[in-house]
PDB file of all heavy atoms in Angstrom:
ATOM      1  N   ASP A   1    -107.644 -39.075   0.315  1.00  0.00           N
ATOM      2  CA  ASP A   1    -106.771 -39.856   1.191  1.00  0.00           C
ATOM      3  C   ASP A   1    -106.526 -41.261   0.655  1.00  0.00           C
ATOM      4  O   ASP A   1    -105.393 -41.745   0.660  1.00  0.00           O
ATOM      5  CB  ASP A   1    -107.343 -39.918   2.608  1.00  0.00           C
ATOM      6  CG  ASP A   1    -107.340 -38.552   3.289  1.00  0.00           C
ATOM      7  OD1 ASP A   1    -106.466 -37.722   2.958  1.00  0.00           O
ATOM      8  OD2 ASP A   1    -108.207 -38.318   4.144  1.00  0.00           O
ATOM      9  N   VAL A   2    -107.579 -41.910   0.202  1.00  0.00           N
ATOM     10  CA  VAL A   2    -107.446 -43.267  -0.339  1.00  0.00           C
ATOM     11  C   VAL A   2    -106.541 -43.254  -1.572  1.00  0.00           C
ATOM     12  O   VAL A   2    -105.639 -44.083  -1.714  1.00  0.00           O
ATOM     13  CB  VAL A   2    -108.835 -43.858  -0.667  1.00  0.00           C
ATOM     14  CG1 VAL A   2    -108.715 -45.150  -1.462  1.00  0.00           C
ATOM     15  CG2 VAL A   2    -109.619 -44.091   0.620  1.00  0.00           C
ATOM     16  N   ALA A   3    -106.773 -42.313  -2.473  1.00  0.00           N
ATOM     17  CA  ALA A   3    -105.978 -42.231  -3.700  1.00  0.00           C
ATOM     18  C   ALA A   3    -104.518 -41.913  -3.382  1.00  0.00           C
ATOM     19  O   ALA A   3    -103.606 -42.528  -3.941  1.00  0.00           O
ATOM     20  CB  ALA A   3    -106.558 -41.189  -4.638  1.00  0.00           C
ATOM     21  N   ARG A   4    -104.306 -40.947  -2.511  1.00  0.00           N
ATOM     22  CA  ARG A   4    -102.927 -40.598  -2.151  1.00  0.00           C
ATOM     23  C   ARG A   4    -102.174 -41.788  -1.591  1.00  0.00           C
ATOM     24  O   ARG A   4    -101.035 -42.058  -1.981  1.00  0.00           O
ATOM     25  CB  ARG A   4    -102.938 -39.462  -1.129  1.00  0.00           C
ATOM     26  CG  ARG A   4    -102.237 -38.223  -1.629  1.00  0.00           C
ATOM     27  CD  ARG A   4    -102.231 -37.150  -0.618  1.00  0.00           C
ATOM     28  NE  ARG A   4    -101.251 -37.479   0.413  1.00  0.00           N
ATOM     29  CZ  ARG A   4    -101.064 -36.772   1.501  1.00  0.00           C
ATOM     30  NH1 ARG A   4    -101.787 -35.718   1.731  1.00  0.00           N
ATOM     31  NH2 ARG A   4    -100.166 -37.104   2.367  1.00  0.00           N
ATOM     32  N   LYS A   5    -102.799 -42.518  -0.694  1.00  0.00           N
ATOM     33  CA  LYS A   5    -102.138 -43.699  -0.104  1.00  0.00           C
ATOM     34  C   LYS A   5    -101.817 -44.736  -1.168  1.00  0.00           C
ATOM     35  O   LYS A   5    -100.745 -45.336  -1.162  1.00  0.00           O
ATOM     36  CB  LYS A   5    -103.010 -44.297   0.997  1.00  0.00           C
ATOM     37  CG  LYS A   5    -103.027 -43.452   2.242  1.00  0.00           C
ATOM     38  CD  LYS A   5    -103.973 -44.005   3.297  1.00  0.00           C
ATOM     39  CE  LYS A   5    -104.046 -43.029   4.467  1.00  0.00           C
ATOM     40  NZ  LYS A   5    -105.101 -43.350   5.400  1.00  0.00           N
ATOM     41  N   PHE A   6    -102.747 -44.956  -2.096  1.00  0.00           N
ATOM     42  CA  PHE A   6    -102.517 -45.920  -3.166  1.00  0.00           C
ATOM     43  C   PHE A   6    -101.305 -45.519  -4.014  1.00  0.00           C
ATOM     44  O   PHE A   6    -100.410 -46.324  -4.263  1.00  0.00           O
ATOM     45  CB  PHE A   6    -103.760 -46.042  -4.046  1.00  0.00           C
ATOM     46  CG  PHE A   6    -103.578 -46.951  -5.226  1.00  0.00           C
ATOM     47  CD1 PHE A   6    -103.717 -48.318  -5.090  1.00  0.00           C
ATOM     48  CD2 PHE A   6    -103.262 -46.435  -6.480  1.00  0.00           C
ATOM     49  CE1 PHE A   6    -103.540 -49.163  -6.170  1.00  0.00           C
ATOM     50  CE2 PHE A   6    -103.077 -47.270  -7.563  1.00  0.00           C
ATOM     51  CZ  PHE A   6    -103.220 -48.643  -7.413  1.00  0.00           C
ATOM     52  N   TYR A   7    -101.290 -44.270  -4.458  1.00  0.00           N
ATOM     53  CA  TYR A   7    -100.189 -43.827  -5.322  1.00  0.00           C
ATOM     54  C   TYR A   7     -98.869 -43.731  -4.547  1.00  0.00           C
ATOM     55  O   TYR A   7     -97.800 -43.922  -5.129  1.00  0.00           O
ATOM     56  CB  TYR A   7    -100.564 -42.530  -6.048  1.00  0.00           C
ATOM     57  CG  TYR A   7    -101.535 -42.815  -7.171  1.00  0.00           C
ATOM     58  CD1 TYR A   7    -102.908 -42.705  -6.977  1.00  0.00           C
ATOM     59  CD2 TYR A   7    -101.082 -43.253  -8.404  1.00  0.00           C
ATOM     60  CE1 TYR A   7    -103.806 -43.017  -7.994  1.00  0.00           C
ATOM     61  CE2 TYR A   7    -101.969 -43.557  -9.436  1.00  0.00           C
ATOM     62  CZ  TYR A   7    -103.320 -43.446  -9.219  1.00  0.00           C
ATOM     63  OH  TYR A   7    -104.193 -43.765 -10.243  1.00  0.00           O
ATOM     64  N   GLU A   8     -98.933 -43.480  -3.265  1.00  0.00           N
ATOM     65  CA  GLU A   8     -97.715 -43.531  -2.445  1.00  0.00           C
ATOM     66  C   GLU A   8     -97.143 -44.938  -2.418  1.00  0.00           C
ATOM     67  O   GLU A   8     -95.926 -45.121  -2.450  1.00  0.00           O
ATOM     68  CB  GLU A   8     -97.997 -43.024  -1.033  1.00  0.00           C
ATOM     69  CG  GLU A   8     -98.165 -41.515  -0.974  1.00  0.00           C
ATOM     70  CD  GLU A   8     -98.660 -41.009   0.369  1.00  0.00           C
ATOM     71  OE1 GLU A   8     -99.028 -41.831   1.253  1.00  0.00           O
ATOM     72  OE2 GLU A   8     -98.700 -39.771   0.543  1.00  0.00           O
ATOM     73  N   LEU A   9     -98.005 -45.957  -2.357  1.00  0.00           N
ATOM     74  CA  LEU A   9     -97.530 -47.342  -2.409  1.00  0.00           C
ATOM     75  C   LEU A   9     -96.788 -47.633  -3.704  1.00  0.00           C
ATOM     76  O   LEU A   9     -95.898 -48.479  -3.742  1.00  0.00           O
ATOM     77  CB  LEU A   9     -98.697 -48.327  -2.252  1.00  0.00           C
ATOM     78  CG  LEU A   9     -99.331 -48.423  -0.883  1.00  0.00           C
ATOM     79  CD1 LEU A   9    -100.574 -49.318  -0.931  1.00  0.00           C
ATOM     80  CD2 LEU A   9     -98.338 -48.946   0.146  1.00  0.00           C
ATOM     81  N   LEU A  10     -97.158 -46.929  -4.774  1.00  0.00           N
ATOM     82  CA  LEU A  10     -96.501 -47.112  -6.065  1.00  0.00           C
ATOM     83  C   LEU A  10     -95.282 -46.211  -6.236  1.00  0.00           C
ATOM     84  O   LEU A  10     -94.654 -46.214  -7.289  1.00  0.00           O
ATOM     85  CB  LEU A  10     -97.496 -46.860  -7.203  1.00  0.00           C
ATOM     86  CG  LEU A  10     -98.635 -47.869  -7.302  1.00  0.00           C
ATOM     87  CD1 LEU A  10     -99.617 -47.456  -8.394  1.00  0.00           C
ATOM     88  CD2 LEU A  10     -98.103 -49.273  -7.559  1.00  0.00           C
ATOM     89  N   GLY A  11     -94.948 -45.431  -5.204  1.00  0.00           N
ATOM     90  CA  GLY A  11     -93.707 -44.662  -5.247  1.00  0.00           C
ATOM     91  C   GLY A  11     -93.846 -43.171  -5.450  1.00  0.00           C
ATOM     92  O   GLY A  11     -92.839 -42.464  -5.497  1.00  0.00           O
ATOM     93  N   TRP A  12     -95.066 -42.653  -5.582  1.00  0.00           N
ATOM     94  CA  TRP A  12     -95.236 -41.214  -5.726  1.00  0.00           C
ATOM     95  C   TRP A  12     -95.443 -40.578  -4.361  1.00  0.00           C
ATOM     96  O   TRP A  12     -95.967 -41.216  -3.448  1.00  0.00           O
ATOM     97  CB  TRP A  12     -96.431 -40.888  -6.619  1.00  0.00           C
ATOM     98  CG  TRP A  12     -96.121 -40.945  -8.081  1.00  0.00           C
ATOM     99  CD1 TRP A  12     -95.578 -39.947  -8.837  1.00  0.00           C
ATOM    100  CD2 TRP A  12     -96.330 -42.036  -8.969  1.00  0.00           C
ATOM    101  NE1 TRP A  12     -95.441 -40.350 -10.143  1.00  0.00           N
ATOM    102  CE2 TRP A  12     -95.896 -41.645 -10.246  1.00  0.00           C
ATOM    103  CE3 TRP A  12     -96.839 -43.325  -8.813  1.00  0.00           C
ATOM    104  CZ2 TRP A  12     -95.960 -42.467 -11.363  1.00  0.00           C
ATOM    105  CZ3 TRP A  12     -96.903 -44.163  -9.916  1.00  0.00           C
ATOM    106  CH2 TRP A  12     -96.466 -43.730 -11.170  1.00  0.00           C
ATOM    107  N   GLU A  13     -95.054 -39.317  -4.233  1.00  0.00           N
ATOM    108  CA  GLU A  13     -95.337 -38.569  -3.007  1.00  0.00           C
ATOM    109  C   GLU A  13     -95.830 -37.177  -3.378  1.00  0.00           C
ATOM    110  O   GLU A  13     -95.421 -36.606  -4.388  1.00  0.00           O
ATOM    111  CB  GLU A  13     -94.112 -38.486  -2.094  1.00  0.00           C
ATOM    112  CG  GLU A  13     -92.982 -37.636  -2.633  1.00  0.00           C
ATOM    113  CD  GLU A  13     -91.843 -37.481  -1.643  1.00  0.00           C
ATOM    114  OE1 GLU A  13     -92.052 -36.863  -0.593  1.00  0.00           O
ATOM    115  OE2 GLU A  13     -90.749 -37.981  -1.956  1.00  0.00           O
ATOM    116  N   GLU A  14     -96.726 -36.682  -2.545  1.00  0.00           N
ATOM    117  CA  GLU A  14     -97.271 -35.351  -2.803  1.00  0.00           C
ATOM    118  C   GLU A  14     -96.183 -34.308  -2.592  1.00  0.00           C
ATOM    119  O   GLU A  14     -95.525 -34.298  -1.567  1.00  0.00           O
ATOM    120  CB  GLU A  14     -98.445 -35.075  -1.867  1.00  0.00           C
ATOM    121  CG  GLU A  14     -99.120 -33.754  -2.156  1.00  0.00           C
ATOM    122  CD  GLU A  14    -100.361 -33.547  -1.321  1.00  0.00           C
ATOM    123  OE1 GLU A  14    -101.444 -33.959  -1.772  1.00  0.00           O
ATOM    124  OE2 GLU A  14    -100.238 -33.000  -0.205  1.00  0.00           O
ATOM    125  N   VAL A  15     -96.006 -33.455  -3.596  1.00  0.00           N
ATOM    126  CA  VAL A  15     -95.021 -32.381  -3.487  1.00  0.00           C
ATOM    127  C   VAL A  15     -95.678 -31.003  -3.495  1.00  0.00           C
ATOM    128  O   VAL A  15     -95.089 -30.048  -3.010  1.00  0.00           O
ATOM    129  CB  VAL A  15     -93.934 -32.473  -4.592  1.00  0.00           C
ATOM    130  CG1 VAL A  15     -93.064 -33.698  -4.380  1.00  0.00           C
ATOM    131  CG2 VAL A  15     -94.534 -32.479  -5.986  1.00  0.00           C
ATOM    132  N   ILE A  16     -96.885 -30.910  -4.051  1.00  0.00           N
ATOM    133  CA  ILE A  16     -97.610 -29.643  -4.073  1.00  0.00           C
ATOM    134  C   ILE A  16     -99.091 -29.933  -3.886  1.00  0.00           C
ATOM    135  O   ILE A  16     -99.660 -30.797  -4.567  1.00  0.00           O
ATOM    136  CB  ILE A  16     -97.408 -28.878  -5.406  1.00  0.00           C
ATOM    137  CG1 ILE A  16     -95.942 -28.534  -5.623  1.00  0.00           C
ATOM    138  CG2 ILE A  16     -98.259 -27.611  -5.447  1.00  0.00           C
ATOM    139  CD1 ILE A  16     -95.638 -27.915  -6.970  1.00  0.00           C
ATOM    140  N   ASP A  17     -99.719 -29.213  -2.971  1.00  0.00           N
ATOM    141  CA  ASP A  17    -101.164 -29.271  -2.787  1.00  0.00           C
ATOM    142  C   ASP A  17    -101.759 -28.079  -3.531  1.00  0.00           C
ATOM    143  O   ASP A  17    -101.250 -26.961  -3.425  1.00  0.00           O
ATOM    144  CB  ASP A  17    -101.493 -29.208  -1.289  1.00  0.00           C
ATOM    145  CG  ASP A  17    -102.973 -29.361  -1.013  1.00  0.00           C
ATOM    146  OD1 ASP A  17    -103.697 -29.906  -1.868  1.00  0.00           O
ATOM    147  OD2 ASP A  17    -103.408 -28.933   0.073  1.00  0.00           O
ATOM    148  N   LEU A  18    -102.806 -28.312  -4.301  1.00  0.00           N
ATOM    149  CA  LEU A  18    -103.448 -27.263  -5.094  1.00  0.00           C
ATOM    150  C   LEU A  18    -104.926 -27.173  -4.712  1.00  0.00           C
ATOM    151  O   LEU A  18    -105.808 -27.522  -5.502  1.00  0.00           O
ATOM    152  CB  LEU A  18    -103.296 -27.569  -6.591  1.00  0.00           C
ATOM    153  CG  LEU A  18    -101.849 -27.703  -7.091  1.00  0.00           C
ATOM    154  CD1 LEU A  18    -101.804 -28.384  -8.449  1.00  0.00           C
ATOM    155  CD2 LEU A  18    -101.182 -26.347  -7.125  1.00  0.00           C
ATOM    156  N   PRO A  19    -105.227 -26.729  -3.486  1.00  0.00           N
ATOM    157  CA  PRO A  19    -106.623 -26.742  -3.014  1.00  0.00           C
ATOM    158  C   PRO A  19    -107.574 -25.933  -3.887  1.00  0.00           C
ATOM    159  O   PRO A  19    -108.738 -26.306  -4.042  1.00  0.00           O
ATOM    160  CB  PRO A  19    -106.535 -26.186  -1.596  1.00  0.00           C
ATOM    161  CG  PRO A  19    -105.218 -25.529  -1.487  1.00  0.00           C
ATOM    162  CD  PRO A  19    -104.319 -26.165  -2.501  1.00  0.00           C
ATOM    163  N   LYS A  20    -107.110 -24.851  -4.472  1.00  0.00           N
ATOM    164  CA  LYS A  20    -107.964 -24.041  -5.342  1.00  0.00           C
ATOM    165  C   LYS A  20    -108.487 -24.861  -6.521  1.00  0.00           C
ATOM    166  O   LYS A  20    -109.582 -24.638  -7.015  1.00  0.00           O
ATOM    167  CB  LYS A  20    -107.175 -22.829  -5.844  1.00  0.00           C
ATOM    168  CG  LYS A  20    -107.933 -21.942  -6.805  1.00  0.00           C
ATOM    169  CD  LYS A  20    -107.079 -20.773  -7.253  1.00  0.00           C
ATOM    170  CE  LYS A  20    -107.796 -19.933  -8.301  1.00  0.00           C
ATOM    171  NZ  LYS A  20    -106.961 -18.838  -8.779  1.00  0.00           N
ATOM    172  N   TYR A  21    -107.696 -25.842  -6.959  1.00  0.00           N
ATOM    173  CA  TYR A  21    -108.042 -26.677  -8.109  1.00  0.00           C
ATOM    174  C   TYR A  21    -108.499 -28.080  -7.707  1.00  0.00           C
ATOM    175  O   TYR A  21    -108.680 -28.940  -8.562  1.00  0.00           O
ATOM    176  CB  TYR A  21    -106.849 -26.765  -9.068  1.00  0.00           C
ATOM    177  CG  TYR A  21    -106.410 -25.404  -9.539  1.00  0.00           C
ATOM    178  CD1 TYR A  21    -105.288 -24.788  -8.993  1.00  0.00           C
ATOM    179  CD2 TYR A  21    -107.138 -24.729 -10.508  1.00  0.00           C
ATOM    180  CE1 TYR A  21    -104.897 -23.527  -9.414  1.00  0.00           C
ATOM    181  CE2 TYR A  21    -106.744 -23.463 -10.931  1.00  0.00           C
ATOM    182  CZ  TYR A  21    -105.628 -22.871 -10.377  1.00  0.00           C
ATOM    183  OH  TYR A  21    -105.250 -21.616 -10.784  1.00  0.00           O
ATOM    184  N   HIS A  22    -108.634 -28.324  -6.406  1.00  0.00           N
ATOM    185  CA  HIS A  22    -109.005 -29.652  -5.904  1.00  0.00           C
ATOM    186  C   HIS A  22    -108.067 -30.709  -6.480  1.00  0.00           C
ATOM    187  O   HIS A  22    -108.501 -31.739  -7.003  1.00  0.00           O
ATOM    188  CB  HIS A  22    -110.461 -29.989  -6.246  1.00  0.00           C
ATOM    189  CG  HIS A  22    -111.426 -28.964  -5.785  1.00  0.00           C
ATOM    190  ND1 HIS A  22    -111.801 -28.849  -4.466  1.00  0.00           N
ATOM    191  CD2 HIS A  22    -112.071 -27.975  -6.437  1.00  0.00           C
ATOM    192  CE1 HIS A  22    -112.646 -27.850  -4.342  1.00  0.00           C
ATOM    193  NE2 HIS A  22    -112.819 -27.292  -5.520  1.00  0.00           N
ATOM    194  N   ALA A  23    -106.768 -30.446  -6.383  1.00  0.00           N
ATOM    195  CA  ALA A  23    -105.769 -31.315  -6.999  1.00  0.00           C
ATOM    196  C   ALA A  23    -104.466 -31.257  -6.215  1.00  0.00           C
ATOM    197  O   ALA A  23    -104.313 -30.460  -5.286  1.00  0.00           O
ATOM    198  CB  ALA A  23    -105.530 -30.877  -8.451  1.00  0.00           C
ATOM    199  N   ASN A  24    -103.556 -32.109  -6.610  1.00  0.00           N
ATOM    200  CA  ASN A  24    -102.196 -32.050  -6.093  1.00  0.00           C
ATOM    201  C   ASN A  24    -101.229 -32.397  -7.212  1.00  0.00           C
ATOM    202  O   ASN A  24    -101.639 -32.762  -8.318  1.00  0.00           O
ATOM    203  CB  ASN A  24    -102.011 -32.975  -4.881  1.00  0.00           C
ATOM    204  CG  ASN A  24    -101.924 -34.450  -5.236  1.00  0.00           C
ATOM    205  OD1 ASN A  24    -102.026 -34.842  -6.399  1.00  0.00           O
ATOM    206  ND2 ASN A  24    -101.756 -35.287  -4.239  1.00  0.00           N
ATOM    207  N   GLU A  25     -99.956 -32.284  -6.908  1.00  0.00           N
ATOM    208  CA  GLU A  25     -98.906 -32.810  -7.773  1.00  0.00           C
ATOM    209  C   GLU A  25     -98.144 -33.829  -6.952  1.00  0.00           C
ATOM    210  O   GLU A  25     -97.812 -33.584  -5.789  1.00  0.00           O
ATOM    211  CB  GLU A  25     -97.953 -31.710  -8.250  1.00  0.00           C
ATOM    212  CG  GLU A  25     -98.567 -30.784  -9.260  1.00  0.00           C
ATOM    213  CD  GLU A  25     -97.564 -29.826  -9.898  1.00  0.00           C
ATOM    214  OE1 GLU A  25     -96.347 -29.925  -9.620  1.00  0.00           O
ATOM    215  OE2 GLU A  25     -98.006 -28.979 -10.677  1.00  0.00           O
ATOM    216  N   MET A  26     -97.888 -34.967  -7.574  1.00  0.00           N
ATOM    217  CA  MET A  26     -97.103 -36.012  -6.936  1.00  0.00           C
ATOM    218  C   MET A  26     -95.925 -36.323  -7.843  1.00  0.00           C
ATOM    219  O   MET A  26     -96.036 -36.245  -9.072  1.00  0.00           O
ATOM    220  CB  MET A  26     -97.947 -37.265  -6.692  1.00  0.00           C
ATOM    221  CG  MET A  26     -99.141 -37.009  -5.781  1.00  0.00           C
ATOM    222  SD  MET A  26    -100.071 -38.503  -5.386  1.00  0.00           S
ATOM    223  CE  MET A  26     -99.095 -39.140  -4.010  1.00  0.00           C
ATOM    224  N   ARG A  27     -94.793 -36.657  -7.238  1.00  0.00           N
ATOM    225  CA  ARG A  27     -93.571 -36.955  -7.997  1.00  0.00           C
ATOM    226  C   ARG A  27     -92.953 -38.216  -7.420  1.00  0.00           C
ATOM    227  O   ARG A  27     -92.953 -38.415  -6.207  1.00  0.00           O
ATOM    228  CB  ARG A  27     -92.605 -35.777  -7.878  1.00  0.00           C
ATOM    229  CG  ARG A  27     -91.296 -35.975  -8.636  1.00  0.00           C
ATOM    230  CD  ARG A  27     -90.358 -34.815  -8.466  1.00  0.00           C
ATOM    231  NE  ARG A  27     -90.013 -34.668  -7.051  1.00  0.00           N
ATOM    232  CZ  ARG A  27     -89.877 -33.508  -6.420  1.00  0.00           C
ATOM    233  NH1 ARG A  27     -90.072 -32.376  -7.046  1.00  0.00           N
ATOM    234  NH2 ARG A  27     -89.552 -33.479  -5.139  1.00  0.00           N
ATOM    235  N   ASN A  28     -92.390 -39.047  -8.294  1.00  0.00           N
ATOM    236  CA  ASN A  28     -91.663 -40.203  -7.788  1.00  0.00           C
ATOM    237  C   ASN A  28     -90.170 -39.887  -7.743  1.00  0.00           C
ATOM    238  O   ASN A  28     -89.742 -38.791  -8.144  1.00  0.00           O
ATOM    239  CB  ASN A  28     -91.987 -41.481  -8.575  1.00  0.00           C
ATOM    240  CG  ASN A  28     -91.346 -41.529  -9.951  1.00  0.00           C
ATOM    241  OD1 ASN A  28     -90.574 -40.655 -10.351  1.00  0.00           O
ATOM    242  ND2 ASN A  28     -91.668 -42.562 -10.696  1.00  0.00           N
ATOM    243  N   ALA A  29     -89.394 -40.817  -7.256  1.00  0.00           N
ATOM    244  CA  ALA A  29     -87.958 -40.591  -7.069  1.00  0.00           C
ATOM    245  C   ALA A  29     -87.227 -40.300  -8.372  1.00  0.00           C
ATOM    246  O   ALA A  29     -86.166 -39.677  -8.367  1.00  0.00           O
ATOM    247  CB  ALA A  29     -87.329 -41.805  -6.374  1.00  0.00           C
ATOM    248  N   ASP A  30     -87.797 -40.720  -9.500  1.00  0.00           N
ATOM    249  CA  ASP A  30     -87.170 -40.473 -10.794  1.00  0.00           C
ATOM    250  C   ASP A  30     -87.708 -39.237 -11.496  1.00  0.00           C
ATOM    251  O   ASP A  30     -87.407 -38.991 -12.659  1.00  0.00           O
ATOM    252  CB  ASP A  30     -87.328 -41.707 -11.690  1.00  0.00           C
ATOM    253  CG  ASP A  30     -86.479 -42.862 -11.190  1.00  0.00           C
ATOM    254  OD1 ASP A  30     -85.245 -42.733 -11.190  1.00  0.00           O
ATOM    255  OD2 ASP A  30     -87.059 -43.875 -10.768  1.00  0.00           O
ATOM    256  N   GLY A  31     -88.544 -38.456 -10.795  1.00  0.00           N
ATOM    257  CA  GLY A  31     -89.024 -37.203 -11.356  1.00  0.00           C
ATOM    258  C   GLY A  31     -90.230 -37.323 -12.264  1.00  0.00           C
ATOM    259  O   GLY A  31     -90.531 -36.395 -13.015  1.00  0.00           O
ATOM    260  N   VAL A  32     -90.951 -38.444 -12.202  1.00  0.00           N
ATOM    261  CA  VAL A  32     -92.171 -38.606 -12.993  1.00  0.00           C
ATOM    262  C   VAL A  32     -93.330 -38.035 -12.184  1.00  0.00           C
ATOM    263  O   VAL A  32     -93.543 -38.417 -11.039  1.00  0.00           O
ATOM    264  CB  VAL A  32     -92.421 -40.094 -13.337  1.00  0.00           C
ATOM    265  CG1 VAL A  32     -93.739 -40.263 -14.082  1.00  0.00           C
ATOM    266  CG2 VAL A  32     -91.259 -40.645 -14.153  1.00  0.00           C
ATOM    267  N   TYR A  33     -94.070 -37.117 -12.791  1.00  0.00           N
ATOM    268  CA  TYR A  33     -95.168 -36.427 -12.122  1.00  0.00           C
ATOM    269  C   TYR A  33     -96.524 -37.006 -12.512  1.00  0.00           C
ATOM    270  O   TYR A  33     -96.719 -37.427 -13.657  1.00  0.00           O
ATOM    271  CB  TYR A  33     -95.191 -34.943 -12.505  1.00  0.00           C
ATOM    272  CG  TYR A  33     -94.184 -34.104 -11.775  1.00  0.00           C
ATOM    273  CD1 TYR A  33     -92.871 -34.013 -12.218  1.00  0.00           C
ATOM    274  CD2 TYR A  33     -94.553 -33.391 -10.640  1.00  0.00           C
ATOM    275  CE1 TYR A  33     -91.951 -33.232 -11.546  1.00  0.00           C
ATOM    276  CE2 TYR A  33     -93.642 -32.603  -9.970  1.00  0.00           C
ATOM    277  CZ  TYR A  33     -92.335 -32.535 -10.428  1.00  0.00           C
ATOM    278  OH  TYR A  33     -91.423 -31.754  -9.755  1.00  0.00           O
ATOM    279  N   ILE A  34     -97.437 -36.971 -11.552  1.00  0.00           N
ATOM    280  CA  ILE A  34     -98.858 -37.176 -11.802  1.00  0.00           C
ATOM    281  C   ILE A  34     -99.604 -36.098 -11.026  1.00  0.00           C
ATOM    282  O   ILE A  34     -99.062 -35.531 -10.070  1.00  0.00           O
ATOM    283  CB  ILE A  34     -99.361 -38.581 -11.391  1.00  0.00           C
ATOM    284  CG1 ILE A  34     -99.196 -38.812  -9.894  1.00  0.00           C
ATOM    285  CG2 ILE A  34     -98.702 -39.668 -12.215  1.00  0.00           C
ATOM    286  CD1 ILE A  34     -99.811 -40.103  -9.378  1.00  0.00           C
ATOM    287  N   ASN A  35    -100.792 -35.789 -11.458  1.00  0.00           N
ATOM    288  CA  ASN A  35    -101.695 -34.931 -10.692  1.00  0.00           C
ATOM    289  C   ASN A  35    -102.890 -35.777 -10.314  1.00  0.00           C
ATOM    290  O   ASN A  35    -103.460 -36.453 -11.168  1.00  0.00           O
ATOM    291  CB  ASN A  35    -102.214 -33.756 -11.533  1.00  0.00           C
ATOM    292  CG  ASN A  35    -101.192 -32.685 -11.729  1.00  0.00           C
ATOM    293  OD1 ASN A  35    -100.270 -32.871 -12.501  1.00  0.00           O
ATOM    294  ND2 ASN A  35    -101.363 -31.577 -11.075  1.00  0.00           N
ATOM    295  N   LEU A  36    -103.274 -35.738  -9.050  1.00  0.00           N
ATOM    296  CA  LEU A  36    -104.542 -36.317  -8.635  1.00  0.00           C
ATOM    297  C   LEU A  36    -105.544 -35.185  -8.572  1.00  0.00           C
ATOM    298  O   LEU A  36    -105.253 -34.115  -8.024  1.00  0.00           O
ATOM    299  CB  LEU A  36    -104.422 -37.008  -7.286  1.00  0.00           C
ATOM    300  CG  LEU A  36    -103.468 -38.203  -7.231  1.00  0.00           C
ATOM    301  CD1 LEU A  36    -103.486 -38.827  -5.844  1.00  0.00           C
ATOM    302  CD2 LEU A  36    -103.787 -39.233  -8.298  1.00  0.00           C
ATOM    303  N   ILE A  37    -106.716 -35.400  -9.135  1.00  0.00           N
ATOM    304  CA  ILE A  37    -107.767 -34.401  -9.178  1.00  0.00           C
ATOM    305  C   ILE A  37    -108.914 -34.940  -8.331  1.00  0.00           C
ATOM    306  O   ILE A  37    -109.461 -36.003  -8.622  1.00  0.00           O
ATOM    307  CB  ILE A  37    -108.196 -34.128 -10.630  1.00  0.00           C
ATOM    308  CG1 ILE A  37    -106.966 -33.696 -11.436  1.00  0.00           C
ATOM    309  CG2 ILE A  37    -109.302 -33.068 -10.680  1.00  0.00           C
ATOM    310  CD1 ILE A  37    -107.094 -33.855 -12.922  1.00  0.00           C
TER     311      ILE A  37
END
């Protein structure tokens, strides 16, 4: 939750939750992806 909120402040939003991998995919408005693990 803390990490997601931080990266949301920088413009990323969660687009896919990957609970099996304890991860997500986040994308910003310009299509740049990060994964939080």
